[in-house]
């Protein structure tokens, strides 16, 4: 069950509620149905990549010139679709907001977050797209954040963010983190009525990088892990075209 996404779990919980004949649906019964369906899920993860065109820069991939006129008026859902179709890719940095919800009566301790670069190649071919103009100031700050220089991590090697925080090769990325929140601090305790939210930001200045993360927590009996990615695929970000 741990591999199921949040949307699929919510669908299954709806089936559970329907099966036991709970109507109307109230907060208490929903919580009970969730726990009955997923007793082993000490925490539930919600990951949202930041695709808002007001806060993201993009590379328009070669062969997509017809899309250029639409970039200044497109909304977040369109940018998400265009990225999925391979028509655009995040330029220099990509951020993801991760929220860890407690799901048991026992406190859970979030102990570590690791970053793994899954692929690295030359910069994506194309041109930098113009960021949308006229956006409001906005403030999507969250309590904690960490930005990681993906260029300084060997492909296939999982590295703890706790170690990266003190690495001299991460100094440039460290200046990006404060734009999203205060430096990440672990361990962190989460209960069933609590949540822990933070931003992960991957940066690159010379490559096209794909990456994912993994959260490690202690549930009182054993150490568990959960993958953090972009709806089942690695996050992707590229430096500017040569």
C-alpha atoms as a PDB file:
ATOM      1  CA  UNK A   1       0.000   0.000   0.000  1.00  0.00           C
ATOM      2  CA  UNK A   2       2.859   2.387   0.647  1.00  0.00           C
ATOM      3  CA  UNK A   3       3.501   2.726  -3.090  1.00  0.00           C
ATOM      4  CA  UNK A   4       0.052   4.121  -3.846  1.00  0.00           C
ATOM      5  CA  UNK A   5      -0.264   7.812  -4.610  1.00  0.00           C
ATOM      6  CA  UNK A   6      -2.448  10.098  -2.510  1.00  0.00           C
ATOM      7  CA  UNK A   7      -5.137  10.487  -5.215  1.00  0.00           C
ATOM      8  CA  UNK A   8      -5.453   6.720  -5.643  1.00  0.00           C
ATOM      9  CA  UNK A   9      -5.618   6.269  -1.888  1.00  0.00           C
ATOM     10  CA  UNK A  10      -8.391   8.853  -1.616  1.00  0.00           C
ATOM     11  CA  UNK A  11     -10.315   6.982  -4.320  1.00  0.00           C
ATOM     12  CA  UNK A  12      -9.936   3.727  -2.422  1.00  0.00           C
ATOM     13  CA  UNK A  13     -10.977   5.366   0.831  1.00  0.00           C
ATOM     14  CA  UNK A  14     -14.129   6.541  -0.940  1.00  0.00           C
ATOM     15  CA  UNK A  15     -14.841   2.935  -1.879  1.00  0.00           C
ATOM     16  CA  UNK A  16     -14.233   1.851   1.703  1.00  0.00           C
ATOM     17  CA  UNK A  17     -16.672   4.484   2.963  1.00  0.00           C
ATOM     18  CA  UNK A  18     -19.274   3.428   0.398  1.00  0.00           C
ATOM     19  CA  UNK A  19     -18.807  -0.226   1.301  1.00  0.00           C
ATOM     20  CA  UNK A  20     -19.511   0.324   4.993  1.00  0.00           C
ATOM     21  CA  UNK A  21     -22.441   2.590   4.230  1.00  0.00           C
ATOM     22  CA  UNK A  22     -21.222   5.761   5.891  1.00  0.00           C
ATOM     23  CA  UNK A  23     -23.481   8.679   4.981  1.00  0.00           C
ATOM     24  CA  UNK A  24     -23.212  11.508   5.407  1.00  0.00           C
ATOM     25  CA  UNK A  25     -19.400  11.466   5.254  1.00  0.00           C
ATOM     26  CA  UNK A  26     -17.962  13.135   8.347  1.00  0.00           C
ATOM     27  CA  UNK A  27     -14.383  13.858   9.402  1.00  0.00           C
ATOM     28  CA  UNK A  28     -14.314  11.125  12.053  1.00  0.00           C
ATOM     29  CA  UNK A  29     -15.595   8.292   9.817  1.00  0.00           C
ATOM     30  CA  UNK A  30     -13.306   9.376   6.979  1.00  0.00           C
ATOM     31  CA  UNK A  31     -10.293   9.236   9.292  1.00  0.00           C
ATOM     32  CA  UNK A  32     -11.348   5.831  10.596  1.00  0.00           C
ATOM     33  CA  UNK A  33     -11.903   4.492   7.080  1.00  0.00           C
ATOM     34  CA  UNK A  34      -8.515   5.784   5.964  1.00  0.00           C
ATOM     35  CA  UNK A  35      -6.734   4.054   8.848  1.00  0.00           C
ATOM     36  CA  UNK A  36      -8.702   0.861   8.321  1.00  0.00           C
ATOM     37  CA  UNK A  37      -7.668   0.797   4.666  1.00  0.00           C
ATOM     38  CA  UNK A  38      -4.040   1.819   5.213  1.00  0.00           C
ATOM     39  CA  UNK A  39      -2.997   0.695   8.718  1.00  0.00           C
ATOM     40  CA  UNK A  40       0.705   0.531   7.815  1.00  0.00           C
ATOM     41  CA  UNK A  41       0.942   4.082   6.512  1.00  0.00           C
ATOM     42  CA  UNK A  42       2.422   5.911   9.489  1.00  0.00           C
ATOM     43  CA  UNK A  43       2.774   8.995   7.302  1.00  0.00           C
ATOM     44  CA  UNK A  44       1.159  10.157   4.075  1.00  0.00           C
ATOM     45  CA  UNK A  45       3.192  12.195   1.578  1.00  0.00           C
ATOM     46  CA  UNK A  46       1.891  14.921  -0.697  1.00  0.00           C
ATOM     47  CA  UNK A  47       4.352  16.276  -3.291  1.00  0.00           C
ATOM     48  CA  UNK A  48       3.624  19.217  -5.606  1.00  0.00           C
ATOM     49  CA  UNK A  49       6.169  20.420  -8.163  1.00  0.00           C
ATOM     50  CA  UNK A  50       6.145  24.211  -8.543  1.00  0.00           C
ATOM     51  CA  UNK A  51       5.077  24.927 -12.144  1.00  0.00           C
ATOM     52  CA  UNK A  52       3.528  28.346 -11.623  1.00  0.00           C
ATOM     53  CA  UNK A  53       4.775  30.417 -14.613  1.00  0.00           C
ATOM     54  CA  UNK A  54       5.052  33.472 -12.345  1.00  0.00           C
ATOM     55  CA  UNK A  55       7.739  31.760 -10.278  1.00  0.00           C
ATOM     56  CA  UNK A  56       9.348  29.342 -12.750  1.00  0.00           C
ATOM     57  CA  UNK A  57      11.694  29.837 -15.685  1.00  0.00           C
ATOM     58  CA  UNK A  58      11.590  27.452 -18.622  1.00  0.00           C
ATOM     59  CA  UNK A  59      13.457  26.302 -21.712  1.00  0.00           C
ATOM     60  CA  UNK A  60      11.298  25.989 -24.824  1.00  0.00           C
ATOM     61  CA  UNK A  61      12.534  22.789 -26.434  1.00  0.00           C
ATOM     62  CA  UNK A  62      13.701  22.837 -30.046  1.00  0.00           C
ATOM     63  CA  UNK A  63      10.916  22.158 -32.540  1.00  0.00           C
ATOM     64  CA  UNK A  64       8.211  23.868 -30.452  1.00  0.00           C
ATOM     65  CA  UNK A  65       8.312  27.396 -31.891  1.00  0.00           C
ATOM     66  CA  UNK A  66       4.519  27.373 -32.301  1.00  0.00           C
ATOM     67  CA  UNK A  67       4.182  27.170 -28.523  1.00  0.00           C
ATOM     68  CA  UNK A  68       6.177  30.336 -27.810  1.00  0.00           C
ATOM     69  CA  UNK A  69       3.263  32.735 -28.264  1.00  0.00           C
ATOM     70  CA  UNK A  70       1.221  30.807 -25.690  1.00  0.00           C
ATOM     71  CA  UNK A  71       3.811  30.869 -22.897  1.00  0.00           C
ATOM     72  CA  UNK A  72       3.046  34.375 -21.643  1.00  0.00           C
ATOM     73  CA  UNK A  73      -0.647  33.612 -21.163  1.00  0.00           C
ATOM     74  CA  UNK A  74      -0.553  29.916 -20.181  1.00  0.00           C
ATOM     75  CA  UNK A  75      -1.699  28.809 -16.726  1.00  0.00           C
ATOM     76  CA  UNK A  76      -0.055  26.321 -14.369  1.00  0.00           C
ATOM     77  CA  UNK A  77      -2.050  23.356 -15.671  1.00  0.00           C
ATOM     78  CA  UNK A  78      -0.931  24.078 -19.231  1.00  0.00           C
ATOM     79  CA  UNK A  79       2.707  24.401 -18.176  1.00  0.00           C
ATOM     80  CA  UNK A  80       2.411  21.076 -16.348  1.00  0.00           C
ATOM     81  CA  UNK A  81       1.033  19.437 -19.491  1.00  0.00           C
ATOM     82  CA  UNK A  82       3.650  20.980 -21.773  1.00  0.00           C
ATOM     83  CA  UNK A  83       6.395  19.764 -19.471  1.00  0.00           C
ATOM     84  CA  UNK A  84       4.915  16.260 -19.389  1.00  0.00           C
ATOM     85  CA  UNK A  85       4.834  16.273 -23.197  1.00  0.00           C
ATOM     86  CA  UNK A  86       8.528  17.219 -23.301  1.00  0.00           C
ATOM     87  CA  UNK A  87       7.923  20.589 -24.950  1.00  0.00           C
ATOM     88  CA  UNK A  88       9.398  22.659 -22.104  1.00  0.00           C
ATOM     89  CA  UNK A  89      11.771  21.945 -19.215  1.00  0.00           C
ATOM     90  CA  UNK A  90      12.561  23.893 -16.043  1.00  0.00           C
ATOM     91  CA  UNK A  91      15.536  26.226 -16.464  1.00  0.00           C
ATOM     92  CA  UNK A  92      18.297  26.237 -13.819  1.00  0.00           C
ATOM     93  CA  UNK A  93      16.059  25.316 -10.875  1.00  0.00           C
ATOM     94  CA  UNK A  94      12.959  23.306 -10.064  1.00  0.00           C
ATOM     95  CA  UNK A  95      11.176  23.330  -6.705  1.00  0.00           C
ATOM     96  CA  UNK A  96       8.832  20.815  -5.111  1.00  0.00           C
ATOM     97  CA  UNK A  97       6.788  21.331  -1.978  1.00  0.00           C
ATOM     98  CA  UNK A  98       6.657  18.195   0.170  1.00  0.00           C
ATOM     99  CA  UNK A  99       4.119  17.779   2.969  1.00  0.00           C
ATOM    100  CA  UNK A 100       4.304  14.876   5.418  1.00  0.00           C
ATOM    101  CA  UNK A 101       1.039  14.156   7.230  1.00  0.00           C
ATOM    102  CA  UNK A 102       0.902  12.022  10.384  1.00  0.00           C
ATOM    103  CA  UNK A 103      -1.486   9.055  10.082  1.00  0.00           C
ATOM    104  CA  UNK A 104      -1.250   7.137  13.372  1.00  0.00           C
ATOM    105  CA  UNK A 105      -1.817   7.865  17.042  1.00  0.00           C
ATOM    106  CA  UNK A 106       1.929   7.449  17.635  1.00  0.00           C
ATOM    107  CA  UNK A 107       4.400  10.205  16.901  1.00  0.00           C
ATOM    108  CA  UNK A 108       6.618   9.614  13.872  1.00  0.00           C
ATOM    109  CA  UNK A 109      10.130  11.036  13.605  1.00  0.00           C
ATOM    110  CA  UNK A 110      11.273  12.301  10.201  1.00  0.00           C
ATOM    111  CA  UNK A 111      15.008  11.603  10.291  1.00  0.00           C
ATOM    112  CA  UNK A 112      16.501  12.306   6.884  1.00  0.00           C
ATOM    113  CA  UNK A 113      15.938  13.307   3.278  1.00  0.00           C
ATOM    114  CA  UNK A 114      18.299  12.049   0.591  1.00  0.00           C
ATOM    115  CA  UNK A 115      18.775  13.298  -2.982  1.00  0.00           C
ATOM    116  CA  UNK A 116      19.665  11.042  -5.927  1.00  0.00           C
ATOM    117  CA  UNK A 117      20.604  12.297  -9.394  1.00  0.00           C
ATOM    118  CA  UNK A 118      19.220   9.619 -11.720  1.00  0.00           C
ATOM    119  CA  UNK A 119      20.533  11.028 -15.013  1.00  0.00           C
ATOM    120  CA  UNK A 120      22.809  13.805 -16.273  1.00  0.00           C
ATOM    121  CA  UNK A 121      23.414  14.908 -19.866  1.00  0.00           C
ATOM    122  CA  UNK A 122      24.174  18.015 -21.889  1.00  0.00           C
ATOM    123  CA  UNK A 123      21.875  21.056 -21.602  1.00  0.00           C
ATOM    124  CA  UNK A 124      18.503  20.744 -23.295  1.00  0.00           C
ATOM    125  CA  UNK A 125      18.410  22.159 -26.818  1.00  0.00           C
ATOM    126  CA  UNK A 126      16.098  25.138 -27.193  1.00  0.00           C
ATOM    127  CA  UNK A 127      15.735  28.704 -25.935  1.00  0.00           C
ATOM    128  CA  UNK A 128      14.903  30.314 -22.637  1.00  0.00           C
ATOM    129  CA  UNK A 129      11.213  31.168 -22.425  1.00  0.00           C
ATOM    130  CA  UNK A 130      10.036  34.552 -21.148  1.00  0.00           C
ATOM    131  CA  UNK A 131       8.612  34.470 -17.627  1.00  0.00           C
ATOM    132  CA  UNK A 132       5.052  35.780 -17.455  1.00  0.00           C
ATOM    133  CA  UNK A 133       4.680  39.495 -16.769  1.00  0.00           C
ATOM    134  CA  UNK A 134       2.133  41.194 -14.549  1.00  0.00           C
ATOM    135  CA  UNK A 135       2.052  38.473 -11.892  1.00  0.00           C
ATOM    136  CA  UNK A 136       1.208  39.494  -8.343  1.00  0.00           C
ATOM    137  CA  UNK A 137       3.946  39.623  -5.725  1.00  0.00           C
ATOM    138  CA  UNK A 138       2.795  36.406  -4.100  1.00  0.00           C
ATOM    139  CA  UNK A 139       4.335  34.663  -1.129  1.00  0.00           C
ATOM    140  CA  UNK A 140       4.599  30.912  -1.070  1.00  0.00           C
ATOM    141  CA  UNK A 141       7.097  30.731   1.770  1.00  0.00           C
ATOM    142  CA  UNK A 142       6.988  27.629   3.950  1.00  0.00           C
ATOM    143  CA  UNK A 143       8.785  27.029   7.242  1.00  0.00           C
ATOM    144  CA  UNK A 144      11.791  25.156   5.806  1.00  0.00           C
ATOM    145  CA  UNK A 145      13.615  24.595   2.513  1.00  0.00           C
ATOM    146  CA  UNK A 146      16.850  23.337   1.023  1.00  0.00           C
ATOM    147  CA  UNK A 147      18.324  23.932  -2.428  1.00  0.00           C
ATOM    148  CA  UNK A 148      20.776  21.392  -3.832  1.00  0.00           C
ATOM    149  CA  UNK A 149      23.449  21.814  -6.513  1.00  0.00           C
ATOM    150  CA  UNK A 150      22.764  18.708  -8.613  1.00  0.00           C
ATOM    151  CA  UNK A 151      25.995  19.220 -10.599  1.00  0.00           C
ATOM    152  CA  UNK A 152      28.006  18.323  -7.471  1.00  0.00           C
ATOM    153  CA  UNK A 153      26.305  14.947  -6.869  1.00  0.00           C
ATOM    154  CA  UNK A 154      27.471  11.782  -8.625  1.00  0.00           C
ATOM    155  CA  UNK A 155      24.806  10.040 -10.715  1.00  0.00           C
ATOM    156  CA  UNK A 156      23.192   7.150  -8.843  1.00  0.00           C
ATOM    157  CA  UNK A 157      24.534   8.155  -5.446  1.00  0.00           C
ATOM    158  CA  UNK A 158      22.052   9.010  -2.663  1.00  0.00           C
ATOM    159  CA  UNK A 159      23.291  11.879  -0.497  1.00  0.00           C
ATOM    160  CA  UNK A 160      21.729  13.167   2.721  1.00  0.00           C
ATOM    161  CA  UNK A 161      20.589  16.792   2.735  1.00  0.00           C
ATOM    162  CA  UNK A 162      22.109  17.033   6.222  1.00  0.00           C
ATOM    163  CA  UNK A 163      25.509  16.378   4.655  1.00  0.00           C
ATOM    164  CA  UNK A 164      24.842  18.686   1.701  1.00  0.00           C
ATOM    165  CA  UNK A 165      24.020  21.585   4.010  1.00  0.00           C
ATOM    166  CA  UNK A 166      27.657  21.760   5.098  1.00  0.00           C
ATOM    167  CA  UNK A 167      29.306  21.062   1.728  1.00  0.00           C
ATOM    168  CA  UNK A 168      31.438  23.859   0.191  1.00  0.00           C
ATOM    169  CA  UNK A 169      30.260  22.680  -3.257  1.00  0.00           C
ATOM    170  CA  UNK A 170      26.718  23.682  -2.277  1.00  0.00           C
ATOM    171  CA  UNK A 171      27.400  27.345  -1.475  1.00  0.00           C
ATOM    172  CA  UNK A 172      25.705  28.724  -4.607  1.00  0.00           C
ATOM    173  CA  UNK A 173      22.614  26.549  -4.103  1.00  0.00           C
ATOM    174  CA  UNK A 174      22.533  27.555  -0.427  1.00  0.00           C
ATOM    175  CA  UNK A 175      21.762  31.108  -1.526  1.00  0.00           C
ATOM    176  CA  UNK A 176      18.655  29.899  -3.352  1.00  0.00           C
ATOM    177  CA  UNK A 177      17.111  28.081  -0.380  1.00  0.00           C
ATOM    178  CA  UNK A 178      16.260  31.228   1.632  1.00  0.00           C
ATOM    179  CA  UNK A 179      14.038  32.408  -1.247  1.00  0.00           C
ATOM    180  CA  UNK A 180      11.657  29.595  -0.262  1.00  0.00           C
ATOM    181  CA  UNK A 181      12.098  29.200   3.513  1.00  0.00           C
ATOM    182  CA  UNK A 182      14.511  28.843   6.414  1.00  0.00           C
ATOM    183  CA  UNK A 183      17.129  26.038   6.310  1.00  0.00           C
ATOM    184  CA  UNK A 184      15.725  22.560   6.797  1.00  0.00           C
ATOM    185  CA  UNK A 185      16.139  21.109  10.303  1.00  0.00           C
ATOM    186  CA  UNK A 186      15.933  17.414  11.094  1.00  0.00           C
ATOM    187  CA  UNK A 187      14.873  15.280  12.906  1.00  0.00           C
ATOM    188  CA  UNK A 188      11.261  16.440  13.021  1.00  0.00           C
ATOM    189  CA  UNK A 189       8.374  14.812  14.921  1.00  0.00           C
ATOM    190  CA  UNK A 190       4.918  14.510  13.304  1.00  0.00           C
ATOM    191  CA  UNK A 191       1.695  13.281  14.938  1.00  0.00           C
ATOM    192  CA  UNK A 192      -1.661  12.307  13.421  1.00  0.00           C
ATOM    193  CA  UNK A 193      -2.975  15.858  13.873  1.00  0.00           C
ATOM    194  CA  UNK A 194       0.163  17.500  12.518  1.00  0.00           C
ATOM    195  CA  UNK A 195       2.140  17.907   9.316  1.00  0.00           C
ATOM    196  CA  UNK A 196       5.634  18.906   8.230  1.00  0.00           C
ATOM    197  CA  UNK A 197       6.030  20.917   5.023  1.00  0.00           C
ATOM    198  CA  UNK A 198       9.199  21.970   3.216  1.00  0.00           C
ATOM    199  CA  UNK A 199      10.593  22.821  -0.208  1.00  0.00           C
ATOM    200  CA  UNK A 200      13.215  20.801  -2.085  1.00  0.00           C
ATOM    201  CA  UNK A 201      14.923  22.767  -4.860  1.00  0.00           C
ATOM    202  CA  UNK A 202      17.232  21.177  -7.426  1.00  0.00           C
ATOM    203  CA  UNK A 203      19.614  23.516  -9.273  1.00  0.00           C
ATOM    204  CA  UNK A 204      22.046  23.124 -12.172  1.00  0.00           C
ATOM    205  CA  UNK A 205      24.354  25.460 -14.076  1.00  0.00           C
ATOM    206  CA  UNK A 206      25.847  23.130 -16.675  1.00  0.00           C
ATOM    207  CA  UNK A 207      23.671  20.076 -17.355  1.00  0.00           C
ATOM    208  CA  UNK A 208      20.256  18.525 -17.906  1.00  0.00           C
ATOM    209  CA  UNK A 209      19.575  16.661 -14.648  1.00  0.00           C
ATOM    210  CA  UNK A 210      16.879  14.252 -13.528  1.00  0.00           C
ATOM    211  CA  UNK A 211      16.589  13.591  -9.806  1.00  0.00           C
ATOM    212  CA  UNK A 212      14.408  12.294  -7.016  1.00  0.00           C
ATOM    213  CA  UNK A 213      14.421  12.293  -3.233  1.00  0.00           C
ATOM    214  CA  UNK A 214      13.660   9.846  -0.443  1.00  0.00           C
ATOM    215  CA  UNK A 215      12.337  10.530   3.045  1.00  0.00           C
ATOM    216  CA  UNK A 216      13.373   8.317   5.970  1.00  0.00           C
ATOM    217  CA  UNK A 217      11.350   8.139   9.185  1.00  0.00           C
ATOM    218  CA  UNK A 218      11.118   6.095  12.383  1.00  0.00           C
ATOM    219  CA  UNK A 219       7.648   4.808  13.271  1.00  0.00           C
ATOM    220  CA  UNK A 220       8.528   3.536  16.741  1.00  0.00           C
ATOM    221  CA  UNK A 221       9.326   0.027  15.560  1.00  0.00           C
ATOM    222  CA  UNK A 222      11.434   0.286  12.431  1.00  0.00           C
ATOM    223  CA  UNK A 223      12.932   2.678   9.913  1.00  0.00           C
ATOM    224  CA  UNK A 224      10.845   3.273   6.790  1.00  0.00           C
ATOM    225  CA  UNK A 225      11.356   5.203   3.555  1.00  0.00           C
ATOM    226  CA  UNK A 226       9.211   6.800   0.871  1.00  0.00           C
ATOM    227  CA  UNK A 227      10.152   8.165  -2.532  1.00  0.00           C
ATOM    228  CA  UNK A 228       9.540  11.787  -3.516  1.00  0.00           C
ATOM    229  CA  UNK A 229       9.235  12.518  -7.244  1.00  0.00           C
ATOM    230  CA  UNK A 230       7.068  14.207  -9.872  1.00  0.00           C
ATOM    231  CA  UNK A 231       4.003  11.944 -10.045  1.00  0.00           C
ATOM    232  CA  UNK A 232       6.041   8.780 -10.564  1.00  0.00           C
ATOM    233  CA  UNK A 233       8.813  10.268 -12.704  1.00  0.00           C
ATOM    234  CA  UNK A 234      12.025  12.062 -11.656  1.00  0.00           C
ATOM    235  CA  UNK A 235      12.109  15.843 -11.357  1.00  0.00           C
ATOM    236  CA  UNK A 236      13.946  17.418 -14.283  1.00  0.00           C
ATOM    237  CA  UNK A 237      15.854  20.693 -14.687  1.00  0.00           C
ATOM    238  CA  UNK A 238      18.350  21.953 -17.247  1.00  0.00           C
ATOM    239  CA  UNK A 239      20.899  24.723 -17.537  1.00  0.00           C
ATOM    240  CA  UNK A 240      20.586  27.162 -20.434  1.00  0.00           C
ATOM    241  CA  UNK A 241      21.353  26.038 -23.971  1.00  0.00           C
ATOM    242  CA  UNK A 242      24.990  26.358 -24.941  1.00  0.00           C
END
